[in-house]
């Protein structure tokens, strides 16, 4: 079996092991991690292995580190996540989400793009250097983590709390990309997932004066927060693909399922992506002031809960040489111009940068993540691995 056929088989078997994040109703990454660990450790006795396993609500959340250590001063780590979001509406899928389906150059299935492509490209590069160690200019490591889809508390954040990496180490996270691979991500916005709960008073819908409608109050407060944040945090940063900060109301936890009940409680959520010109704490303090004023005026209680947060992240000054070297590999192999960009945040890369560890996020993706009929192109899987291999050899 050629390496190409082997990795398509590995890819397919991985996708068929459901690894939906528990936050999306799944059982997590444990079975997928067991499969990958068992397979990868067959490759060479020289491969060092570390495992850091967190536990959330009784569910084991493994994080796997594979290191090909040839005594070099620097290690380049490739970092991908094993968990996926749920499949969503099955009626929108043309192919079974948890059975890999190869059609021409595309492999379909939940997690093929996000982040199976990055995991397989990284493993192709690792296996190449197991078989051809003479080309290594640095040590090579692959980190396969849990929990990226829900904020990484049990994933890379957990690993970084348990393990120290050398400041000389560099990190490549293949979890963002464009269809031609012409954008290398070098910065991320700050991230906040904010839950806002409004407490009113429940009553029968026919006697509204006997209660306080939390649904109506929540919608009013939601629009106040939305409008205020957009009006005062309105600077732009052209480095980012979306140059402005974004403050998007998303999910709602309703206070009732009955039409004839006025709800006494309702929660809504904001997804905020904040450019580095503003601190996350400054934004949260503004929301707190709005909520306190609103609560006093309306005679209602407002509770704020930060579900997830990450500060804006950029590389150290020393990281510029690392980025340029990687850009040179892309140009060499593809003959295209490459630009450095910032994105909305949420990848594992931010955690490394906030530890002072230089990181780039890159891939060649059709950006089908979280969609029905998610797919990755096999030509991109193997093509990205070629870039990784060239970079390590250069």
Protein backbone atom coordinates (compact mmCIF):
# COMPACT_ATOMS: atom_id res chain seq x y z
CA UNK A 1 0.00 0.00 0.00
CA UNK A 2 1.41 3.36 -0.98
CA UNK A 3 1.59 6.16 1.55
CA UNK A 4 -1.17 7.98 -0.31
CA UNK A 5 -3.55 5.06 -0.07
CA UNK A 6 -2.52 4.45 3.52
CA UNK A 7 -3.30 8.01 4.58
CA UNK A 8 -6.63 8.11 2.74
CA UNK A 9 -7.51 4.92 4.65
CA UNK A 10 -6.33 6.44 7.95
CA UNK A 11 -8.28 9.63 7.22
CA UNK A 12 -11.45 7.65 6.44
CA UNK A 13 -11.21 5.49 9.56
CA UNK A 14 -10.65 8.58 11.70
CA UNK A 15 -13.75 10.34 10.32
CA UNK A 16 -15.87 7.26 10.96
CA UNK A 17 -15.12 7.46 14.69
CA UNK A 18 -17.60 10.03 15.97
CA UNK A 19 -15.73 12.69 18.00
CA UNK A 20 -18.43 15.33 18.49
CA UNK A 21 -17.52 17.68 21.32
CA UNK A 22 -19.63 17.07 24.46
CA UNK A 23 -20.79 20.69 24.26
CA UNK A 24 -22.60 19.64 21.07
CA UNK A 25 -24.11 16.53 22.62
CA UNK A 26 -21.31 14.12 21.70
CA UNK A 27 -19.13 11.72 23.66
CA UNK A 28 -15.87 13.48 22.89
CA UNK A 29 -12.56 12.42 21.42
CA UNK A 30 -11.49 9.36 23.44
CA UNK A 31 -12.22 6.62 20.87
CA UNK A 32 -10.73 8.64 18.02
CA UNK A 33 -7.64 9.36 20.13
CA UNK A 34 -7.23 5.66 20.98
CA UNK A 35 -7.36 4.75 17.30
CA UNK A 36 -4.84 7.41 16.24
CA UNK A 37 -2.46 6.67 19.11
CA UNK A 38 -2.47 2.95 18.33
CA UNK A 39 -1.83 3.55 14.63
CA UNK A 40 0.82 6.27 14.88
CA UNK A 41 2.93 4.48 17.49
CA UNK A 42 3.36 1.61 15.02
CA UNK A 43 5.39 3.86 12.75
CA UNK A 44 8.66 3.87 14.65
CA UNK A 45 10.18 2.95 18.03
CA UNK A 46 12.05 6.27 17.82
CA UNK A 47 8.81 8.21 18.17
CA UNK A 48 8.46 9.67 21.64
CA UNK A 49 4.95 9.95 23.03
CA UNK A 50 3.27 12.01 25.75
CA UNK A 51 -0.38 12.08 26.76
CA UNK A 52 -2.20 14.68 28.84
CA UNK A 53 -5.77 13.65 29.59
CA UNK A 54 -8.30 15.96 31.19
CA UNK A 55 -11.70 14.81 32.46
CA UNK A 56 -14.92 16.80 32.01
CA UNK A 57 -18.19 15.51 33.47
CA UNK A 58 -16.77 12.01 33.59
CA UNK A 59 -15.62 12.10 29.95
CA UNK A 60 -11.91 11.56 29.23
CA UNK A 61 -10.45 14.24 26.93
CA UNK A 62 -7.07 12.98 25.64
CA UNK A 63 -4.34 15.17 24.19
CA UNK A 64 -1.62 13.33 22.27
CA UNK A 65 1.96 14.51 21.60
CA UNK A 66 4.24 12.67 19.17
CA UNK A 67 7.87 13.81 18.95
CA UNK A 68 10.58 12.83 16.47
CA UNK A 69 13.59 14.09 18.43
CA UNK A 70 16.89 14.13 16.56
CA UNK A 71 18.71 16.27 19.12
CA UNK A 72 18.14 19.56 17.31
CA UNK A 73 17.89 22.81 19.28
CA UNK A 74 14.45 23.67 17.90
CA UNK A 75 11.24 21.69 17.52
CA UNK A 76 8.54 22.59 15.01
CA UNK A 77 5.15 21.39 16.23
CA UNK A 78 2.09 20.81 14.07
CA UNK A 79 -1.12 21.19 16.06
CA UNK A 80 -4.57 19.90 15.06
CA UNK A 81 -7.74 19.10 16.96
CA UNK A 82 -9.61 15.80 17.03
CA UNK A 83 -13.06 17.01 18.11
CA UNK A 84 -15.81 18.13 15.75
CA UNK A 85 -19.09 19.97 15.90
CA UNK A 86 -22.30 17.96 15.55
CA UNK A 87 -23.70 17.03 12.17
CA UNK A 88 -26.67 19.44 12.37
CA UNK A 89 -29.69 18.77 10.16
CA UNK A 90 -29.21 15.32 8.58
CA UNK A 91 -31.68 16.21 5.83
CA UNK A 92 -29.13 18.67 4.43
CA UNK A 93 -26.44 16.02 3.94
CA UNK A 94 -25.99 14.19 0.64
CA UNK A 95 -23.47 11.84 2.27
CA UNK A 96 -23.45 10.21 5.74
CA UNK A 97 -21.64 12.64 8.06
CA UNK A 98 -19.81 9.93 10.00
CA UNK A 99 -18.83 7.72 7.08
CA UNK A 100 -16.05 9.11 4.93
CA UNK A 101 -17.08 9.27 1.27
CA UNK A 102 -14.47 9.89 -1.42
CA UNK A 103 -15.77 11.41 -4.65
CA UNK A 104 -13.05 12.35 -7.16
CA UNK A 105 -10.72 14.75 -5.29
CA UNK A 106 -13.04 15.32 -2.32
CA UNK A 107 -13.51 13.43 0.93
CA UNK A 108 -16.85 14.15 2.61
CA UNK A 109 -17.78 13.79 6.27
CA UNK A 110 -18.06 15.76 9.48
CA UNK A 111 -14.60 16.92 10.48
CA UNK A 112 -12.91 16.30 7.14
CA UNK A 113 -12.12 20.00 6.81
CA UNK A 114 -12.24 20.99 10.47
CA UNK A 115 -9.76 19.72 11.46
CA UNK A 116 -9.16 16.32 9.92
CA UNK A 117 -7.34 17.80 6.95
CA UNK A 118 -4.84 19.52 9.22
CA UNK A 119 -4.35 16.41 11.31
CA UNK A 120 -3.65 14.17 8.31
CA UNK A 121 -1.36 16.70 6.57
CA UNK A 122 0.64 17.00 9.79
CA UNK A 123 0.90 13.22 10.18
CA UNK A 124 2.03 12.81 6.56
CA UNK A 125 4.89 15.22 7.29
CA UNK A 126 5.79 13.38 10.52
CA UNK A 127 5.88 9.99 8.79
CA UNK A 128 7.98 11.41 5.96
CA UNK A 129 10.71 12.39 8.41
CA UNK A 130 10.50 9.09 10.27
CA UNK A 131 11.43 7.53 6.93
CA UNK A 132 13.82 10.33 5.81
CA UNK A 133 15.39 11.80 8.98
CA UNK A 134 18.43 13.06 7.07
CA UNK A 135 16.36 16.01 5.79
CA UNK A 136 15.43 17.35 9.24
CA UNK A 137 16.76 20.77 10.16
CA UNK A 138 14.79 20.64 13.43
CA UNK A 139 12.91 18.16 15.58
CA UNK A 140 9.33 17.48 14.46
CA UNK A 141 6.31 17.10 16.70
CA UNK A 142 2.57 16.61 16.19
CA UNK A 143 0.01 17.54 18.84
CA UNK A 144 -3.54 16.20 18.50
CA UNK A 145 -5.82 17.94 20.98
CA UNK A 146 -9.35 17.77 22.33
CA UNK A 147 -11.99 20.43 22.96
CA UNK A 148 -11.05 23.07 20.37
CA UNK A 149 -14.68 23.45 19.31
CA UNK A 150 -15.70 24.54 22.83
CA UNK A 151 -12.82 26.83 23.81
CA UNK A 152 -9.92 24.39 24.45
CA UNK A 153 -10.22 24.26 28.26
CA UNK A 154 -9.69 20.49 28.13
CA UNK A 155 -7.44 20.69 25.10
CA UNK A 156 -4.45 22.90 24.38
CA UNK A 157 -5.10 25.09 27.43
CA UNK A 158 -4.87 21.97 29.59
CA UNK A 159 -1.66 20.84 27.85
CA UNK A 160 -0.02 24.24 28.31
CA UNK A 161 -0.88 24.09 32.01
CA UNK A 162 0.94 20.76 32.33
CA UNK A 163 3.88 21.05 29.91
CA UNK A 164 6.53 23.67 29.26
CA UNK A 165 7.65 24.21 25.68
CA UNK A 166 10.98 25.78 24.77
CA UNK A 167 10.90 29.41 23.67
CA UNK A 168 12.85 28.23 20.63
CA UNK A 169 9.98 25.97 19.55
CA UNK A 170 7.69 27.06 16.72
CA UNK A 171 4.08 26.07 16.10
CA UNK A 172 2.10 25.54 12.90
CA UNK A 173 -1.67 25.19 13.29
CA UNK A 174 -3.36 24.03 10.05
CA UNK A 175 -6.82 25.24 11.10
CA UNK A 176 -7.41 28.26 8.86
CA UNK A 177 -6.92 28.72 5.17
CA UNK A 178 -8.01 29.95 1.78
CA UNK A 179 -8.70 27.90 -1.36
CA UNK A 180 -5.27 28.70 -2.82
CA UNK A 181 -3.28 28.86 0.44
CA UNK A 182 -2.28 32.47 -0.14
CA UNK A 183 -3.01 33.73 3.40
CA UNK A 184 -0.90 32.98 6.47
CA UNK A 185 -2.58 33.90 9.73
CA UNK A 186 -0.24 35.71 12.14
CA UNK A 187 -2.65 37.36 14.61
CA UNK A 188 -6.04 36.72 16.19
CA UNK A 189 -8.67 38.96 17.65
CA UNK A 190 -9.74 38.72 21.25
CA UNK A 191 -12.66 36.37 21.76
CA UNK A 192 -15.60 36.53 24.18
CA UNK A 193 -18.65 34.30 24.36
CA UNK A 194 -20.93 36.15 26.75
CA UNK A 195 -24.14 34.84 28.31
CA UNK A 196 -26.60 37.51 29.48
CA UNK A 197 -29.50 36.40 31.69
CA UNK A 198 -32.47 38.66 32.43
CA UNK A 199 -34.66 37.84 35.45
CA UNK A 200 -38.22 39.17 35.37
CA UNK A 201 -41.39 37.61 36.79
CA UNK A 202 -43.37 34.78 35.23
CA UNK A 203 -47.15 35.01 34.89
CA UNK A 204 -50.08 34.08 32.65
CA UNK A 205 -49.95 35.79 29.27
CA UNK A 206 -53.50 37.08 29.70
CA UNK A 207 -52.49 39.14 32.77
CA UNK A 208 -49.16 40.70 31.81
CA UNK A 209 -49.32 43.38 34.51
CA UNK A 210 -48.91 40.63 37.10
CA UNK A 211 -45.44 39.80 35.82
CA UNK A 212 -42.37 41.21 34.14
CA UNK A 213 -41.69 39.86 30.66
CA UNK A 214 -38.08 38.65 30.59
CA UNK A 215 -38.29 37.94 26.85
CA UNK A 216 -39.19 41.54 25.98
CA UNK A 217 -36.59 42.90 28.41
CA UNK A 218 -33.94 40.58 27.00
CA UNK A 219 -34.56 41.73 23.42
CA UNK A 220 -34.38 45.38 24.50
CA UNK A 221 -31.15 44.84 26.42
CA UNK A 222 -29.69 42.80 23.57
CA UNK A 223 -30.17 45.70 21.15
CA UNK A 224 -28.75 48.19 23.65
CA UNK A 225 -25.58 46.15 24.06
CA UNK A 226 -25.29 45.56 20.31
CA UNK A 227 -25.69 49.21 19.36
CA UNK A 228 -23.49 50.59 22.14
CA UNK A 229 -20.52 48.29 21.52
CA UNK A 230 -20.55 48.91 17.78
CA UNK A 231 -20.71 52.67 18.35
CA UNK A 232 -17.76 53.02 20.74
CA UNK A 233 -15.45 50.18 19.63
CA UNK A 234 -15.47 51.23 16.00
CA UNK A 235 -11.77 51.35 15.07
CA UNK A 236 -10.56 49.11 12.26
CA UNK A 237 -7.34 47.19 11.70
CA UNK A 238 -6.54 46.43 8.04
CA UNK A 239 -4.35 43.43 9.01
CA UNK A 240 -7.50 41.44 9.76
CA UNK A 241 -9.66 39.74 7.15
CA UNK A 242 -12.66 41.33 8.89
CA UNK A 243 -11.05 44.64 9.92
CA UNK A 244 -13.57 45.72 12.58
CA UNK A 245 -14.50 44.24 15.94
CA UNK A 246 -17.68 42.20 15.73
CA UNK A 247 -20.38 41.84 18.40
CA UNK A 248 -22.95 39.31 17.24
CA UNK A 249 -26.01 38.14 19.21
CA UNK A 250 -26.41 34.44 18.51
CA UNK A 251 -28.01 31.83 20.75
CA UNK A 252 -31.09 32.21 23.01
CA UNK A 253 -32.12 30.04 25.97
CA UNK A 254 -35.90 30.65 26.16
CA UNK A 255 -37.62 30.92 29.54
CA UNK A 256 -40.74 29.05 28.45
CA UNK A 257 -41.96 26.58 25.86
CA UNK A 258 -45.62 27.58 26.22
CA UNK A 259 -47.27 30.32 24.19
CA UNK A 260 -49.52 31.41 27.07
CA UNK A 261 -46.76 31.96 29.65
CA UNK A 262 -44.88 35.23 30.05
CA UNK A 263 -41.32 34.10 30.83
CA UNK A 264 -39.67 35.20 34.04
CA UNK A 265 -36.18 34.35 32.85
CA UNK A 266 -34.34 34.37 29.52
CA UNK A 267 -30.70 34.13 28.48
CA UNK A 268 -29.06 35.27 25.27
CA UNK A 269 -25.49 35.11 24.03
CA UNK A 270 -23.00 37.29 22.19
CA UNK A 271 -20.04 36.11 20.13
CA UNK A 272 -17.51 38.97 20.24
CA UNK A 273 -14.29 39.19 18.21
CA UNK A 274 -12.21 42.18 19.34
CA UNK A 275 -9.28 43.72 17.46
CA UNK A 276 -6.05 44.18 19.49
CA UNK A 277 -6.60 47.96 19.73
CA UNK A 278 -9.13 47.19 22.49
CA UNK A 279 -8.71 44.99 25.53
CA UNK A 280 -11.25 42.29 26.30
CA UNK A 281 -11.65 43.68 29.82
CA UNK A 282 -12.51 47.14 28.49
CA UNK A 283 -15.31 45.68 26.38
CA UNK A 284 -16.64 43.58 29.25
CA UNK A 285 -16.63 46.58 31.58
CA UNK A 286 -18.79 48.50 29.09
CA UNK A 287 -21.28 45.63 28.97
CA UNK A 288 -21.34 45.52 32.77
CA UNK A 289 -22.19 49.24 32.94
CA UNK A 290 -25.00 48.84 30.40
CA UNK A 291 -26.43 45.85 32.27
CA UNK A 292 -26.33 47.58 35.65
CA UNK A 293 -28.05 50.72 34.33
CA UNK A 294 -30.67 48.67 32.49
CA UNK A 295 -31.41 46.55 35.56
CA UNK A 296 -31.96 49.62 37.74
CA UNK A 297 -34.21 51.33 35.20
CA UNK A 298 -36.35 48.25 34.54
CA UNK A 299 -36.41 46.77 38.03
CA UNK A 300 -34.95 43.51 36.71
CA UNK A 301 -31.88 41.49 37.57
CA UNK A 302 -29.22 41.02 34.89
CA UNK A 303 -26.54 38.34 35.25
CA UNK A 304 -23.41 38.22 33.06
CA UNK A 305 -21.42 35.01 32.55
CA UNK A 306 -18.30 34.76 30.40
CA UNK A 307 -18.57 31.34 28.76
CA UNK A 308 -15.28 31.62 26.86
CA UNK A 309 -12.62 34.26 26.42
CA UNK A 310 -9.20 34.72 24.87
CA UNK A 311 -7.05 37.81 24.62
CA UNK A 312 -5.86 39.11 21.23
CA UNK A 313 -2.69 37.34 20.13
CA UNK A 314 0.32 38.30 18.02
CA UNK A 315 3.78 36.81 17.62
CA UNK A 316 6.94 38.12 19.25
CA UNK A 317 9.30 40.22 17.13
CA UNK A 318 11.48 37.13 16.70
CA UNK A 319 8.59 35.35 14.99
CA UNK A 320 8.93 37.36 11.78
CA UNK A 321 11.83 35.24 10.49
CA UNK A 322 9.80 32.08 11.16
CA UNK A 323 6.83 33.43 9.22
CA UNK A 324 9.00 34.57 6.31
CA UNK A 325 10.66 31.17 6.07
CA UNK A 326 7.24 29.50 5.88
CA UNK A 327 6.02 32.01 3.28
CA UNK A 328 9.11 31.21 1.20
CA UNK A 329 8.17 27.51 1.15
CA UNK A 330 4.67 28.33 -0.12
CA UNK A 331 6.03 30.63 -2.82
CA UNK A 332 8.64 28.07 -3.86
CA UNK A 333 6.16 25.22 -4.27
CA UNK A 334 3.16 27.14 -5.58
CA UNK A 335 4.51 30.26 -7.24
CA UNK A 336 1.93 32.53 -5.59
CA UNK A 337 2.09 35.73 -3.59
CA UNK A 338 1.31 35.23 0.08
CA UNK A 339 -0.13 37.78 2.49
CA UNK A 340 -0.05 37.86 6.27
CA UNK A 341 -3.46 38.31 7.87
CA UNK A 342 -5.26 38.37 11.18
CA UNK A 343 -8.52 36.47 11.78
CA UNK A 344 -11.40 36.49 14.21
CA UNK A 345 -9.76 34.13 16.64
CA UNK A 346 -10.65 30.85 18.23
CA UNK A 347 -7.79 28.60 17.06
CA UNK A 348 -5.22 26.84 19.21
CA UNK A 349 -2.67 29.35 17.90
CA UNK A 350 -3.79 32.07 20.29
CA UNK A 351 -2.90 29.95 23.32
CA UNK A 352 0.68 29.51 22.14
CA UNK A 353 1.12 33.17 21.23
CA UNK A 354 -0.18 34.28 24.61
CA UNK A 355 2.61 32.15 26.13
CA UNK A 356 5.17 34.01 24.01
CA UNK A 357 5.52 31.09 21.55
CA UNK A 358 5.64 32.01 17.87
CA UNK A 359 2.84 30.48 15.84
CA UNK A 360 1.34 30.57 12.36
CA UNK A 361 -2.04 29.22 11.29
CA UNK A 362 -2.24 28.06 7.68
CA UNK A 363 -3.85 25.62 5.30
CA UNK A 364 -5.37 25.30 1.85
CA UNK A 365 -9.09 25.00 2.58
CA UNK A 366 -12.40 25.45 0.83
CA UNK A 367 -13.77 26.54 4.24
CA UNK A 368 -16.58 24.02 4.47
CA UNK A 369 -16.25 23.65 8.24
CA UNK A 370 -19.49 23.33 10.25
CA UNK A 371 -21.50 23.04 7.03
CA UNK A 372 -23.60 20.12 5.78
CA UNK A 373 -21.62 18.06 3.26
CA UNK A 374 -18.35 19.23 4.78
CA UNK A 375 -15.41 18.12 2.67
CA UNK A 376 -11.70 18.51 2.11
CA UNK A 377 -9.80 18.15 -1.14
CA UNK A 378 -7.29 15.33 -1.10
CA UNK A 379 -5.00 17.38 -3.34
CA UNK A 380 -4.92 20.01 -0.58
CA UNK A 381 -4.26 17.42 2.14
CA UNK A 382 -1.18 16.10 0.37
CA UNK A 383 -0.19 19.49 -1.06
CA UNK A 384 -0.11 21.10 2.37
CA UNK A 385 2.02 18.22 3.64
CA UNK A 386 4.51 19.00 0.87
CA UNK A 387 4.76 22.59 2.14
CA UNK A 388 5.31 21.34 5.70
CA UNK A 389 8.04 18.96 4.55
CA UNK A 390 9.82 21.66 2.51
CA UNK A 391 9.69 24.04 5.47
CA UNK A 392 11.28 21.49 7.83
CA UNK A 393 14.01 20.74 5.28
CA UNK A 394 14.82 24.40 4.51
